[in-house]
Amino acid sequence: ALRLRVREALGAREPADAVRVQGWVRSVRSQKEVLFLHINDGSSLESLQVVADPSLEKDLTFGSAVEVQGKLVKSPHRMQNMELQAETIRVVGPCDIWSFPLKMRERHPLEYVRQFPHLRCRSNTLGALLRIRSEATAGIHSFFQDNGYVHIHTPIITSNDCEGAGELFQIETSSEAKESAEKTHFFNVPAFLTVSGQLHLEVMAGAFTHVFTFGPTFRAENSQSRRHLAEFYMVEAELSFTESLQDIMQVMEDLFKTVTSTLLSKCPHDVELFHKYIAPAQKVMHVTGKNCSPVIISYSEAVEILKQASQTFTFKPEWGCDLQTEHEKYLVKHCGEVPVFVVNYPYDLKPFYMRDNEDGPQHTVAAVDLLVPGVGELCGGSLREERLPFLESRLQRLGLTDAYQWYLDLRKFGSVPHGGFGMGFERYLQYILGVDNIKDVIPFPRFSHSCLL
C-alpha cells in the first residue's frame, strides 16, 4: 500500500485503491452501520476522515496511534475533498482517555496546555504553531539565500559578550563548579553562551559581503515576565559596502514582508486558527503589501511625541534614556498601528561598534529599531563604526582595547562601510499570531515540567 501523509491524502486529486495512513485519533463516532474517525499526523491542521465498518472499532480511543489501510475516495461532503474507506485498522499505541490530559472536542486554553509541555504539541493550537515556526524558518533561509547571503554558523560558546547585550550564562564543567574561584577555565578564559552572533558575522562580512546567521541565543536576565526567554532564536545579518542606514532598514522591511507573506500563503489555516480563537483583533495583512511602508522617525522626535502624550508612563521619557516597551507601543499607536523605524539614538546609549554620526549638540549614532504593533521592538541594527581612529578612541575610553584588539584588526586590513541587524524570531511569531505570552510560541516552556529539567 502507498503510504501517504494526512496532508497528501487530503490534497490528492485522484482516488487510490491501496493506501496506508498513520497518525493519532482525533475523534471517534460509531453508528449502527458505520464508524467514523478522524486521524491527524501533524502535517496539517485538518484531519482525515476515515469511514469503516463498526467491527473495526476495537481499542480505538481519542489519542491512540493507528495505521489505517484502505481506499482513498472522493468525499460526498462539500467541506472535505477526500476520505479513506478503511479495510484494516491497526492500533499501534493505545491511549487511556481517562488519564490523558487532553480531551476530545475541547478547546484547551494556552494556560492549561502549558502544564503539559511533553503533550501540548498534540493540541491543535500548538500543532499549528509548530508548523508556522517551521515554515517561517524555511522562509527566512529562503529570503537570505535568494538575495545572495552566505549562511554562517556562529559559535554558541564564546568568550565575547557583544558589549552589554545582556546578562550572560557562564560555561563551566561539573568539576570546575566545585573548585575554587581561582580554577583553570576549560577554555583557559571565561566562556559564555552567546547573546549574539553579530561580532562573528562582522568577521565573515569582511570576506563575503553579505552574511547571515539564524540560531539560538541566551540571556540570563532574571525575569519571568511574558516578554522574556532565557533561550530564544535570533536572525542576524551583516552587509558590507553600505554607507546608508536606509539600506539596512530596507533589508529589515523586505525580510519582514516576504516571510510574513510566505506564512499567510503557506499556512493560512494555521494562522487563521490563532486570529480566530487566540487573538481575534490581530491583523497583519495590511502591513505586508508593497504599498505599505513603515513610518520613519528619529529618536529625538520619538521623545518629543512621548513627552506630549496624554498617557502617563511608568518610565518618564527623557532624551538620553532608552525607550521602554510602553513607549514603543505608544509610538506605534501614535503612528497609526503600522511598523515604525526609530533612527539615530544617543551616542552614550548604544554599544561601541555603532557608527558615530558626528552631530551635535545631541550626539547620536546611526542606529535603528523596528517597532511593530502589540510587541514593540522587533529588530535592532546599525551602521558599524568602520573608521579605525573613531573605534580606537571609543574602546580606549571604555577600557576595552585589549579585549577587542582583534576587532580593531578588522579595521586595519581592508575595512569597508558596513552594517547589520538582528531580529528576535519568537517576537516575530508573537506579532504574527497575536500571542500575549512569548512562552507560548516556543516548542517547550523552559523548566515547567520535571521531565524536561
Protein backbone atom coordinates (compact mmCIF):
# COMPACT_ATOMS: atom_id res chain seq x y z
CA ALA A 1 0.00 0.00 0.00
CA LEU A 2 1.15 3.54 -0.82
CA ARG A 3 1.98 5.43 2.37
CA LEU A 4 0.51 8.94 2.48
CA ARG A 5 0.72 11.75 4.99
CA VAL A 6 -2.63 13.20 6.01
CA ARG A 7 -1.83 16.41 4.12
CA GLU A 8 -1.08 14.42 0.98
CA ALA A 9 -4.27 12.39 1.29
CA LEU A 10 -6.41 15.49 1.75
CA GLY A 11 -4.79 17.18 -1.24
CA ALA A 12 -4.93 14.18 -3.57
CA ARG A 13 -6.65 14.86 -6.89
CA GLU A 14 -7.44 11.28 -7.81
CA PRO A 15 -8.73 8.29 -5.82
CA ALA A 16 -6.31 5.47 -4.98
CA ASP A 17 -7.09 1.81 -4.35
CA ALA A 18 -4.40 0.88 -1.82
CA VAL A 19 -3.11 3.50 0.60
CA ARG A 20 -1.79 3.45 4.14
CA VAL A 21 -2.14 6.38 6.56
CA GLN A 22 -0.63 6.57 10.05
CA GLY A 23 -1.48 9.06 12.80
CA TRP A 24 -3.35 9.72 16.02
CA VAL A 25 -7.09 9.55 16.51
CA ARG A 26 -8.71 12.96 17.00
CA SER A 27 -12.31 11.77 17.17
CA VAL A 28 -14.33 8.54 17.10
CA ARG A 29 -18.03 8.30 16.27
CA SER A 30 -19.67 4.91 15.98
CA GLN A 31 -23.09 4.42 14.43
CA LYS A 32 -25.08 1.24 13.86
CA GLU A 33 -23.86 0.66 10.34
CA VAL A 34 -20.74 2.85 10.03
CA LEU A 35 -17.75 4.01 12.06
CA PHE A 36 -16.30 7.49 11.56
CA LEU A 37 -12.95 8.57 12.91
CA HIS A 38 -10.60 11.45 12.19
CA ILE A 39 -6.84 10.96 12.27
CA ASN A 40 -4.05 13.51 12.20
CA ASP A 41 -0.28 13.14 11.84
CA GLY A 42 0.75 16.77 12.35
CA SER A 43 1.15 17.50 8.64
CA SER A 44 -1.97 19.70 8.52
CA LEU A 45 -4.50 21.36 10.76
CA GLU A 46 -7.32 19.44 9.09
CA SER A 47 -7.72 15.77 9.96
CA LEU A 48 -8.50 12.96 7.51
CA GLN A 49 -11.90 11.33 7.85
CA VAL A 50 -11.87 7.55 7.90
CA VAL A 51 -15.03 5.58 7.18
CA ALA A 52 -15.06 1.97 8.41
CA ASP A 53 -17.19 -0.95 9.43
CA PRO A 54 -18.13 -0.81 13.15
CA SER A 55 -16.45 -4.19 13.65
CA LEU A 56 -13.06 -2.41 13.32
CA GLU A 57 -13.67 -0.21 16.36
CA LYS A 58 -11.78 -2.40 18.86
CA ASP A 59 -9.47 -0.37 21.17
CA LEU A 60 -9.99 2.84 19.16
CA THR A 61 -9.92 5.82 21.53
CA PHE A 62 -9.11 9.51 21.28
CA GLY A 63 -5.31 9.92 21.28
CA SER A 64 -4.47 6.37 20.23
CA ALA A 65 -1.93 5.84 17.43
CA VAL A 66 -3.27 3.92 14.45
CA GLU A 67 -2.39 2.64 11.00
CA VAL A 68 -5.24 2.53 8.50
CA GLN A 69 -5.18 0.79 5.12
CA GLY A 70 -7.88 1.12 2.52
CA LYS A 71 -9.11 3.11 -0.45
CA LEU A 72 -8.81 6.86 -0.88
CA VAL A 73 -12.07 8.11 -2.42
CA LYS A 74 -13.80 11.38 -3.18
CA SER A 75 -15.79 12.57 -0.19
CA PRO A 76 -19.51 13.23 -0.68
CA HIS A 77 -19.29 16.15 1.77
CA ARG A 78 -18.55 19.66 0.47
CA MET A 79 -16.28 20.51 3.42
CA GLN A 80 -13.67 17.89 2.55
CA ASN A 81 -12.01 16.70 -0.63
CA MET A 82 -11.09 13.07 0.09
CA GLU A 83 -11.78 10.43 2.71
CA LEU A 84 -10.37 7.00 3.46
CA GLN A 85 -12.53 3.89 3.28
CA ALA A 86 -10.81 1.59 5.75
CA GLU A 87 -10.23 -2.08 5.12
CA THR A 88 -7.98 -2.62 8.15
CA ILE A 89 -7.28 -0.54 11.23
CA ARG A 90 -4.35 -1.44 13.47
CA VAL A 91 -3.91 0.21 16.87
CA VAL A 92 -0.17 0.85 17.13
CA GLY A 93 -0.29 2.57 20.51
CA PRO A 94 -3.40 2.65 22.75
CA CYS A 95 -4.31 5.71 24.80
CA ASP A 96 -6.05 5.78 28.17
CA ILE A 97 -8.58 8.56 27.61
CA TRP A 98 -9.36 8.85 31.34
CA SER A 99 -5.84 9.89 32.32
CA PHE A 100 -4.91 11.64 29.03
CA PRO A 101 -4.97 15.39 29.94
CA LEU A 102 -6.23 16.49 26.51
CA LYS A 103 -9.92 15.81 25.90
CA MET A 104 -11.80 15.19 22.67
CA ARG A 105 -13.75 18.18 21.27
CA GLU A 106 -12.43 20.55 23.95
CA ARG A 107 -10.60 23.78 23.09
CA HIS A 108 -7.96 23.89 25.80
CA PRO A 109 -6.64 27.37 26.70
CA LEU A 110 -2.90 28.00 26.35
CA GLU A 111 -2.56 28.34 30.13
CA TYR A 112 -3.87 24.79 30.54
CA VAL A 113 -1.73 23.04 27.91
CA ARG A 114 1.37 24.87 29.19
CA GLN A 115 1.21 22.49 32.16
CA PHE A 116 1.95 19.56 29.83
CA PRO A 117 4.95 20.58 27.69
CA HIS A 118 5.54 16.95 26.70
CA LEU A 119 1.99 16.55 25.36
CA ARG A 120 0.85 20.02 24.33
CA CYS A 121 2.16 19.62 20.74
CA ARG A 122 -0.80 17.24 20.20
CA SER A 123 -3.28 20.09 20.60
CA ASN A 124 -4.50 21.93 17.52
CA THR A 125 -3.10 25.26 18.70
CA LEU A 126 0.44 24.08 19.38
CA GLY A 127 0.43 21.89 16.29
CA ALA A 128 -0.43 24.95 14.22
CA LEU A 129 2.28 26.98 15.96
CA LEU A 130 4.99 24.42 15.22
CA ARG A 131 4.04 24.21 11.55
CA ILE A 132 4.16 28.01 11.41
CA ARG A 133 7.58 28.03 13.09
CA SER A 134 8.83 25.51 10.55
CA GLU A 135 7.55 27.49 7.55
CA ALA A 136 8.86 30.77 8.98
CA THR A 137 12.30 29.21 9.47
CA ALA A 138 12.34 27.97 5.88
CA GLY A 139 11.09 31.36 4.67
CA ILE A 140 13.88 33.22 6.46
CA HIS A 141 16.56 30.98 4.97
CA SER A 142 15.00 31.27 1.51
CA PHE A 143 14.87 35.07 1.72
CA PHE A 144 18.57 35.41 2.50
CA GLN A 145 19.74 32.76 0.07
CA ASP A 146 17.59 34.20 -2.72
CA ASN A 147 19.30 37.53 -2.09
CA GLY A 148 22.85 36.18 -2.18
CA TYR A 149 23.66 35.90 1.53
CA VAL A 150 26.03 33.25 2.87
CA HIS A 151 24.74 31.35 5.90
CA ILE A 152 27.29 31.32 8.75
CA HIS A 153 27.15 29.04 11.81
CA THR A 154 28.34 31.39 14.56
CA PRO A 155 29.60 29.90 17.88
CA ILE A 156 27.18 29.08 20.67
CA ILE A 157 30.00 29.01 23.24
CA THR A 158 32.03 32.22 23.06
CA SER A 159 34.30 34.46 25.13
CA ASN A 160 32.77 37.75 23.94
CA ASP A 161 29.64 39.31 25.41
CA CYS A 162 28.85 41.60 22.46
CA GLU A 163 29.35 44.57 24.83
CA GLY A 164 26.38 44.80 27.07
CA ALA A 165 23.87 42.80 25.04
CA GLY A 166 22.55 41.19 28.23
CA GLU A 167 23.36 39.08 31.26
CA LEU A 168 25.44 36.01 30.42
CA PHE A 169 25.30 32.31 31.21
CA GLN A 170 28.85 31.24 32.03
CA ILE A 171 30.05 27.79 30.92
CA GLU A 172 31.70 25.51 33.48
CA THR A 173 32.31 21.78 33.69
CA SER A 174 30.74 19.99 36.65
CA SER A 175 34.18 19.60 38.24
CA GLU A 176 35.02 23.29 37.72
CA ALA A 177 31.87 24.33 39.52
CA LYS A 178 33.10 22.55 42.66
CA GLU A 179 36.55 24.12 42.65
CA SER A 180 37.71 27.49 43.98
CA ALA A 181 37.32 30.80 42.15
CA GLU A 182 40.99 30.54 41.09
CA LYS A 183 40.30 27.48 38.96
CA THR A 184 41.68 26.98 35.47
CA HIS A 185 38.95 27.51 32.89
CA PHE A 186 38.15 24.74 30.42
CA PHE A 187 38.96 27.10 27.50
CA ASN A 188 41.68 28.92 29.53
CA VAL A 189 39.41 32.00 29.54
CA PRO A 190 35.86 32.52 30.84
CA ALA A 191 33.34 31.25 28.28
CA PHE A 192 29.66 32.05 27.90
CA LEU A 193 26.57 31.03 25.98
CA THR A 194 26.24 33.51 23.13
CA VAL A 195 23.98 36.55 23.36
CA SER A 196 24.54 37.48 19.72
CA GLY A 197 26.42 36.29 16.65
CA GLN A 198 26.98 39.83 15.40
CA LEU A 199 30.70 40.23 16.05
CA HIS A 200 31.43 36.87 14.43
CA LEU A 201 29.30 37.88 11.45
CA GLU A 202 31.33 41.08 11.09
CA VAL A 203 34.43 38.91 10.71
CA MET A 204 32.78 36.98 7.89
CA ALA A 205 31.35 40.10 6.25
CA GLY A 206 34.97 41.10 5.62
CA ALA A 207 35.22 38.25 3.13
CA PHE A 208 31.68 37.52 1.87
CA THR A 209 29.99 40.99 1.83
CA HIS A 210 26.53 39.59 2.70
CA VAL A 211 26.17 37.05 5.53
CA PHE A 212 23.50 35.90 7.97
CA THR A 213 23.04 33.53 10.88
CA PHE A 214 19.94 32.05 12.48
CA GLY A 215 20.46 30.23 15.74
CA PRO A 216 19.93 30.07 19.48
CA THR A 217 20.97 32.91 21.78
CA PHE A 218 20.81 33.12 25.56
CA ARG A 219 20.12 35.89 28.09
CA ALA A 220 20.49 35.32 31.82
CA GLU A 221 18.08 38.07 32.83
CA ASN A 222 16.27 37.01 35.98
CA SER A 223 12.82 37.78 34.62
CA GLN A 224 9.71 35.61 34.50
CA SER A 225 7.71 38.18 32.52
CA ARG A 226 5.57 37.39 29.50
CA ARG A 227 8.20 39.04 27.26
CA HIS A 228 11.41 37.29 28.27
CA LEU A 229 13.03 33.98 27.42
CA ALA A 230 16.34 32.59 28.66
CA GLU A 231 16.82 30.82 25.30
CA PHE A 232 15.49 32.15 22.01
CA TYR A 233 16.35 32.24 18.32
CA MET A 234 17.86 35.26 16.59
CA VAL A 235 18.09 36.15 12.91
CA GLU A 236 21.14 38.34 12.27
CA ALA A 237 22.63 39.75 9.08
CA GLU A 238 25.61 41.89 8.08
CA LEU A 239 26.04 43.85 4.83
CA SER A 240 29.38 45.16 3.60
CA PHE A 241 29.85 48.13 1.29
CA THR A 242 26.86 50.07 2.58
CA GLU A 243 27.03 53.64 3.88
CA SER A 244 23.30 54.16 4.34
CA LEU A 245 21.13 53.25 7.30
CA GLN A 246 18.31 53.17 4.77
CA ASP A 247 19.92 50.10 3.17
CA ILE A 248 19.74 48.25 6.49
CA MET A 249 16.15 49.33 7.02
CA GLN A 250 15.20 48.15 3.55
CA VAL A 251 16.51 44.63 4.23
CA MET A 252 14.62 44.58 7.55
CA GLU A 253 11.42 45.62 5.79
CA ASP A 254 11.86 43.18 2.90
CA LEU A 255 12.59 40.28 5.27
CA PHE A 256 9.58 41.13 7.42
CA LYS A 257 7.17 41.42 4.48
CA THR A 258 8.50 38.46 2.48
CA VAL A 259 8.41 35.96 5.34
CA THR A 260 5.00 37.18 6.51
CA SER A 261 3.54 36.86 3.01
CA THR A 262 5.00 33.35 2.78
CA LEU A 263 3.36 32.35 6.05
CA LEU A 264 -0.01 33.76 5.06
CA SER A 265 0.09 31.84 1.78
CA LYS A 266 1.53 28.53 3.04
CA CYS A 267 -0.12 28.30 6.47
CA PRO A 268 -3.43 30.16 6.02
CA HIS A 269 -5.50 27.79 8.17
CA ASP A 270 -2.89 27.61 10.95
CA VAL A 271 -2.59 31.41 11.11
CA GLU A 272 -6.37 31.77 10.93
CA LEU A 273 -6.73 29.48 13.96
CA PHE A 274 -4.75 31.96 16.08
CA HIS A 275 -6.55 35.01 14.71
CA LYS A 276 -9.95 33.42 15.26
CA TYR A 277 -9.52 31.88 18.71
CA ILE A 278 -6.34 33.27 20.34
CA ALA A 279 -6.07 36.87 19.12
CA PRO A 280 -9.29 37.88 17.32
CA ALA A 281 -8.15 41.50 16.96
CA GLN A 282 -4.81 40.68 15.33
CA LYS A 283 -4.38 41.87 11.74
CA VAL A 284 -1.18 41.52 9.74
CA MET A 285 -2.48 41.52 6.19
CA HIS A 286 -2.33 45.30 5.74
CA VAL A 287 1.37 45.60 6.63
CA THR A 288 2.62 43.06 4.10
CA GLY A 289 1.70 44.86 0.90
CA LYS A 290 4.27 46.53 -1.32
CA ASN A 291 2.48 49.86 -0.97
CA CYS A 292 2.59 49.83 2.82
CA SER A 293 5.81 51.41 4.08
CA PRO A 294 6.79 51.78 7.74
CA VAL A 295 6.87 55.24 9.31
CA ILE A 296 10.38 56.64 9.97
CA ILE A 297 11.03 58.96 12.92
CA SER A 298 14.19 59.97 14.77
CA TYR A 299 14.81 59.11 18.40
CA SER A 300 14.58 62.84 19.23
CA GLU A 301 11.19 63.06 17.50
CA ALA A 302 10.05 59.97 19.38
CA VAL A 303 10.96 61.50 22.74
CA GLU A 304 9.03 64.68 21.89
CA ILE A 305 5.97 62.64 20.88
CA LEU A 306 6.15 60.77 24.19
CA LYS A 307 6.57 63.96 26.21
CA GLN A 308 3.46 65.45 24.62
CA ALA A 309 1.40 62.28 25.13
CA SER A 310 -1.68 62.47 27.35
CA GLN A 311 -0.84 58.99 28.61
CA THR A 312 1.04 58.62 31.89
CA PHE A 313 4.06 56.34 31.56
CA THR A 314 5.67 54.25 34.29
CA PHE A 315 9.06 55.40 32.93
CA LYS A 316 9.25 59.12 32.21
CA PRO A 317 10.51 59.75 28.66
CA GLU A 318 13.73 61.78 28.64
CA TRP A 319 16.32 62.35 25.93
CA GLY A 320 19.27 60.06 26.60
CA CYS A 321 17.20 57.28 28.20
CA ASP A 322 16.32 54.03 26.47
CA LEU A 323 12.81 53.59 25.11
CA GLN A 324 10.76 51.19 27.21
CA THR A 325 8.16 48.76 25.87
CA GLU A 326 5.34 51.08 26.94
CA HIS A 327 6.98 53.88 24.94
CA GLU A 328 7.44 51.69 21.87
CA LYS A 329 3.82 50.53 21.87
CA TYR A 330 2.60 54.11 22.23
CA LEU A 331 4.74 55.28 19.30
CA VAL A 332 3.28 52.52 17.09
CA LYS A 333 -0.24 53.51 18.13
CA HIS A 334 0.54 57.21 17.58
CA CYS A 335 1.76 56.44 14.03
CA GLY A 336 -1.38 54.55 13.08
CA GLU A 337 -0.69 50.97 14.24
CA VAL A 338 1.86 50.36 11.48
CA PRO A 339 5.53 49.38 11.81
CA VAL A 340 7.78 52.26 12.85
CA PHE A 341 11.51 52.77 12.33
CA VAL A 342 13.18 54.83 15.06
CA VAL A 343 16.61 56.07 13.96
CA ASN A 344 19.66 57.91 15.37
CA TYR A 345 19.88 57.02 19.06
CA PRO A 346 22.06 58.83 21.65
CA TYR A 347 25.77 58.02 21.38
CA ASP A 348 26.13 57.12 25.07
CA LEU A 349 23.13 54.80 24.96
CA LYS A 350 24.50 52.38 22.39
CA PRO A 351 27.45 49.90 22.18
CA PHE A 352 30.91 50.85 20.93
CA TYR A 353 30.52 49.34 17.47
CA MET A 354 27.75 51.69 16.27
CA ARG A 355 28.80 54.42 13.84
CA ASP A 356 29.24 57.95 15.21
CA ASN A 357 27.00 60.45 13.39
CA GLU A 358 29.35 63.30 14.43
CA ASP A 359 26.38 65.54 15.14
CA GLY A 360 25.72 67.93 17.94
CA PRO A 361 24.77 69.13 20.40
CA GLN A 362 22.69 65.91 20.70
CA HIS A 363 25.38 63.36 19.90
CA THR A 364 23.91 60.29 18.14
CA VAL A 365 24.88 57.08 16.35
CA ALA A 366 23.45 55.56 13.16
CA ALA A 367 21.22 53.02 14.91
CA VAL A 368 17.71 51.86 14.10
CA ASP A 369 14.96 49.87 15.82
CA LEU A 370 11.87 48.48 14.08
CA LEU A 371 8.76 48.69 16.26
CA VAL A 372 5.60 46.70 15.47
CA PRO A 373 2.05 46.70 16.90
CA GLY A 374 1.44 44.71 20.06
CA VAL A 375 5.10 43.81 20.62
CA GLY A 376 7.27 46.92 20.44
CA GLU A 377 10.85 46.39 19.30
CA LEU A 378 11.19 43.58 16.77
CA CYS A 379 14.51 44.36 15.05
CA GLY A 380 17.55 46.39 16.04
CA GLY A 381 20.52 47.35 13.91
CA SER A 382 23.02 50.00 12.95
CA LEU A 383 25.84 51.04 10.70
CA ARG A 384 29.06 49.74 12.25
CA GLU A 385 31.98 52.05 13.01
CA GLU A 386 34.42 51.25 10.21
CA ARG A 387 36.82 54.16 10.90
CA LEU A 388 39.83 52.97 12.90
CA PRO A 389 40.57 56.25 14.80
CA PHE A 390 36.95 56.58 15.98
CA LEU A 391 36.81 52.95 17.11
CA GLU A 392 40.22 53.11 18.85
CA SER A 393 39.21 56.24 20.71
CA ARG A 394 35.95 54.78 21.98
CA LEU A 395 37.43 51.43 23.02
CA GLN A 396 40.19 53.26 24.88
CA ARG A 397 37.66 55.35 26.81
CA LEU A 398 35.74 52.20 27.72
CA GLY A 399 38.88 50.27 28.70
CA LEU A 400 38.19 47.59 26.11
CA THR A 401 41.18 47.99 23.79
CA ASP A 402 42.95 44.77 24.82
CA ALA A 403 39.80 42.66 24.73
CA TYR A 404 38.88 43.86 21.25
CA GLN A 405 42.27 44.09 19.58
CA TRP A 406 41.09 41.51 17.04
CA TYR A 407 38.10 43.75 16.26
CA LEU A 408 40.47 46.65 15.55
CA ASP A 409 42.35 44.39 13.13
CA LEU A 410 39.20 44.21 11.01
CA ARG A 411 39.52 47.98 10.54
CA LYS A 412 43.22 47.83 9.74
CA PHE A 413 43.01 45.31 6.91
CA GLY A 414 40.54 46.24 4.18
CA SER A 415 37.86 47.95 6.24
CA VAL A 416 34.68 48.94 4.40
CA PRO A 417 31.47 50.73 5.44
CA HIS A 418 29.05 48.11 6.67
CA GLY A 419 26.06 47.49 8.92
CA GLY A 420 23.64 44.89 10.12
CA PHE A 421 20.67 43.99 12.29
CA GLY A 422 19.11 41.28 14.43
CA MET A 423 15.50 40.09 14.74
CA GLY A 424 14.10 38.03 17.58
CA PHE A 425 12.34 35.05 15.99
CA GLU A 426 9.91 34.44 18.86
CA ARG A 427 8.95 38.11 18.97
CA TYR A 428 8.24 37.94 15.25
CA LEU A 429 5.91 34.97 15.85
CA GLN A 430 4.28 36.86 18.71
CA TYR A 431 3.45 39.70 16.36
CA ILE A 432 2.18 37.49 13.52
CA LEU A 433 -0.02 35.35 15.78
CA GLY A 434 -1.02 37.90 18.41
CA VAL A 435 0.10 35.69 21.29
CA ASP A 436 0.46 37.66 24.52
CA ASN A 437 2.89 35.33 26.34
CA ILE A 438 6.14 34.70 24.48
CA LYS A 439 6.44 31.29 26.19
CA ASP A 440 3.52 30.12 24.06
CA VAL A 441 5.47 30.43 20.80
CA ILE A 442 8.33 28.08 21.77
CA PRO A 443 8.19 24.27 21.49
CA PHE A 444 8.95 23.67 25.17
CA PRO A 445 8.24 26.08 28.05
CA ARG A 446 11.55 26.02 29.94
CA PHE A 447 11.66 24.13 33.23
CA SER A 448 7.91 23.87 33.55
CA HIS A 449 7.84 20.08 33.98
CA SER A 450 10.17 17.69 35.77
CA CYS A 451 10.72 15.52 32.69
CA LEU A 452 12.22 18.49 30.84
CA LEU A 453 14.57 19.77 33.53
